[in-house]
Amino acid sequence: MLNALNQPLSARLPSSPCVIVYFGTTLGITYVIDATASVLDEHAILGIGDLGPLGQTWSLAGPSLADGVLYHHSSKAVVAIGSQP
């Protein structure tokens, strides 16, 4: 599947710790989806994260989870989401 810029929507498999799926696109947008939803529609989307401006941010990596911190990166930056000790 291609986006409006004729690029693949995703170049990797979704990540899934527990019952939440983190699905990232090449353009740096990550969708957080409830894997337990009985219907996969807009109500199953728990959140949408954007790594940067459209057309200026690219990501070929999926998010990673380590020690309660979610890491994701674009071609320019690393983002860590979690609490500090």
C-alpha atoms as a PDB file:
ATOM      1  CA  MET A   1       0.000   0.000   0.000  1.00  0.00           C
ATOM      2  CA  LEU A   2       1.323   3.456  -0.916  1.00  0.00           C
ATOM      3  CA  ASN A   3       0.739   6.896   0.577  1.00  0.00           C
ATOM      4  CA  ALA A   4       0.047  10.160  -1.262  1.00  0.00           C
ATOM      5  CA  LEU A   5       3.780  10.542  -1.979  1.00  0.00           C
ATOM      6  CA  ASN A   6       3.820   7.086  -3.625  1.00  0.00           C
ATOM      7  CA  GLN A   7       5.899   5.629  -0.777  1.00  0.00           C
ATOM      8  CA  PRO A   8       5.174   2.467   1.230  1.00  0.00           C
ATOM      9  CA  LEU A   9       3.010   3.102   4.299  1.00  0.00           C
ATOM     10  CA  SER A  10       5.104   0.801   6.459  1.00  0.00           C
ATOM     11  CA  ALA A  11       8.408  -0.957   6.050  1.00  0.00           C
ATOM     12  CA  ARG A  12       8.245  -3.064   9.212  1.00  0.00           C
ATOM     13  CA  LEU A  13       5.983  -5.226  11.312  1.00  0.00           C
ATOM     14  CA  PRO A  14       3.873  -3.677  14.062  1.00  0.00           C
ATOM     15  CA  SER A  15       5.167  -3.954  17.637  1.00  0.00           C
ATOM     16  CA  SER A  16       2.879  -5.444  20.259  1.00  0.00           C
ATOM     17  CA  PRO A  17       3.690  -5.503  23.973  1.00  0.00           C
ATOM     18  CA  CYS A  18       0.598  -7.099  25.628  1.00  0.00           C
ATOM     19  CA  VAL A  19      -2.729  -6.041  24.100  1.00  0.00           C
ATOM     20  CA  ILE A  20      -1.697  -2.754  22.513  1.00  0.00           C
ATOM     21  CA  VAL A  21      -0.279  -2.616  18.984  1.00  0.00           C
ATOM     22  CA  TYR A  22       2.064   0.206  17.961  1.00  0.00           C
ATOM     23  CA  PHE A  23       1.969   0.528  14.174  1.00  0.00           C
ATOM     24  CA  GLY A  24       4.340   3.037  12.587  1.00  0.00           C
ATOM     25  CA  THR A  25       4.374   4.457   9.080  1.00  0.00           C
ATOM     26  CA  THR A  26       7.307   5.549   6.951  1.00  0.00           C
ATOM     27  CA  LEU A  27       6.217   9.178   7.349  1.00  0.00           C
ATOM     28  CA  GLY A  28       6.816   9.018  11.117  1.00  0.00           C
ATOM     29  CA  ILE A  29       3.241   8.555  12.323  1.00  0.00           C
ATOM     30  CA  THR A  30       2.595   5.868  14.939  1.00  0.00           C
ATOM     31  CA  TYR A  31      -0.906   4.518  15.558  1.00  0.00           C
ATOM     32  CA  VAL A  32      -1.684   2.942  18.938  1.00  0.00           C
ATOM     33  CA  ILE A  33      -4.372   0.288  18.503  1.00  0.00           C
ATOM     34  CA  ASP A  34      -6.332  -1.764  21.047  1.00  0.00           C
ATOM     35  CA  ALA A  35      -5.702  -5.351  19.935  1.00  0.00           C
ATOM     36  CA  THR A  36      -8.622  -6.581  22.049  1.00  0.00           C
ATOM     37  CA  ALA A  37     -11.224  -4.452  20.252  1.00  0.00           C
ATOM     38  CA  SER A  38     -14.044  -6.556  18.841  1.00  0.00           C
ATOM     39  CA  VAL A  39     -14.194  -4.287  15.765  1.00  0.00           C
ATOM     40  CA  LEU A  40     -11.111  -2.699  14.210  1.00  0.00           C
ATOM     41  CA  ASP A  41     -12.456   0.785  13.516  1.00  0.00           C
ATOM     42  CA  GLU A  42     -11.781   4.353  14.703  1.00  0.00           C
ATOM     43  CA  HIS A  43     -12.806   3.378  18.255  1.00  0.00           C
ATOM     44  CA  ALA A  44      -9.939   0.863  18.406  1.00  0.00           C
ATOM     45  CA  ILE A  45      -7.401   3.667  17.879  1.00  0.00           C
ATOM     46  CA  LEU A  46      -6.087   4.664  21.307  1.00  0.00           C
ATOM     47  CA  GLY A  47      -3.720   7.350  20.077  1.00  0.00           C
ATOM     48  CA  ILE A  48      -1.712   8.785  17.223  1.00  0.00           C
ATOM     49  CA  GLY A  49       1.858  10.013  17.618  1.00  0.00           C
ATOM     50  CA  ASP A  50       3.729  12.110  15.088  1.00  0.00           C
ATOM     51  CA  LEU A  51       7.547  12.234  15.041  1.00  0.00           C
ATOM     52  CA  GLY A  52       7.705  15.477  13.053  1.00  0.00           C
ATOM     53  CA  PRO A  53       6.536  17.589  10.112  1.00  0.00           C
ATOM     54  CA  LEU A  54       4.991  15.798   7.119  1.00  0.00           C
ATOM     55  CA  GLY A  55       7.548  15.390   4.355  1.00  0.00           C
ATOM     56  CA  GLN A  56      10.473  16.154   6.676  1.00  0.00           C
ATOM     57  CA  THR A  57      10.342  13.123   8.987  1.00  0.00           C
ATOM     58  CA  TRP A  58      11.047   9.537   7.935  1.00  0.00           C
ATOM     59  CA  SER A  59      11.153   6.378   9.987  1.00  0.00           C
ATOM     60  CA  LEU A  60      11.887   2.823   8.913  1.00  0.00           C
ATOM     61  CA  ALA A  61      12.047   1.542  12.482  1.00  0.00           C
ATOM     62  CA  GLY A  62       9.273   0.294  14.704  1.00  0.00           C
ATOM     63  CA  PRO A  63       8.960   1.406  18.310  1.00  0.00           C
ATOM     64  CA  SER A  64      10.815  -0.513  21.034  1.00  0.00           C
ATOM     65  CA  LEU A  65       9.918  -1.061  24.680  1.00  0.00           C
ATOM     66  CA  ALA A  66      12.568  -1.398  27.407  1.00  0.00           C
ATOM     67  CA  ASP A  67      12.249  -1.009  31.194  1.00  0.00           C
ATOM     68  CA  GLY A  68       8.843   0.666  30.869  1.00  0.00           C
ATOM     69  CA  VAL A  69      10.042   3.248  28.335  1.00  0.00           C
ATOM     70  CA  LEU A  70       8.784   3.339  24.740  1.00  0.00           C
ATOM     71  CA  TYR A  71      11.482   4.401  22.255  1.00  0.00           C
ATOM     72  CA  HIS A  72      10.882   5.478  18.673  1.00  0.00           C
ATOM     73  CA  HIS A  73      13.097   7.301  16.239  1.00  0.00           C
ATOM     74  CA  SER A  74      12.972   9.164  12.991  1.00  0.00           C
ATOM     75  CA  SER A  75      15.917   9.758  10.686  1.00  0.00           C
ATOM     76  CA  LYS A  76      16.834  12.802  12.834  1.00  0.00           C
ATOM     77  CA  ALA A  77      15.847  12.160  16.457  1.00  0.00           C
ATOM     78  CA  VAL A  78      15.048   9.591  19.155  1.00  0.00           C
ATOM     79  CA  VAL A  79      11.892   9.971  21.248  1.00  0.00           C
ATOM     80  CA  ALA A  80      11.530   8.270  24.657  1.00  0.00           C
ATOM     81  CA  ILE A  81       8.132   8.083  26.334  1.00  0.00           C
ATOM     82  CA  GLY A  82       8.006   6.952  29.950  1.00  0.00           C
ATOM     83  CA  SER A  83       8.599   8.003  33.519  1.00  0.00           C
ATOM     84  CA  GLN A  84      11.981   8.872  34.944  1.00  0.00           C
ATOM     85  CA  PRO A  85      13.146   7.135  38.146  1.00  0.00           C
END
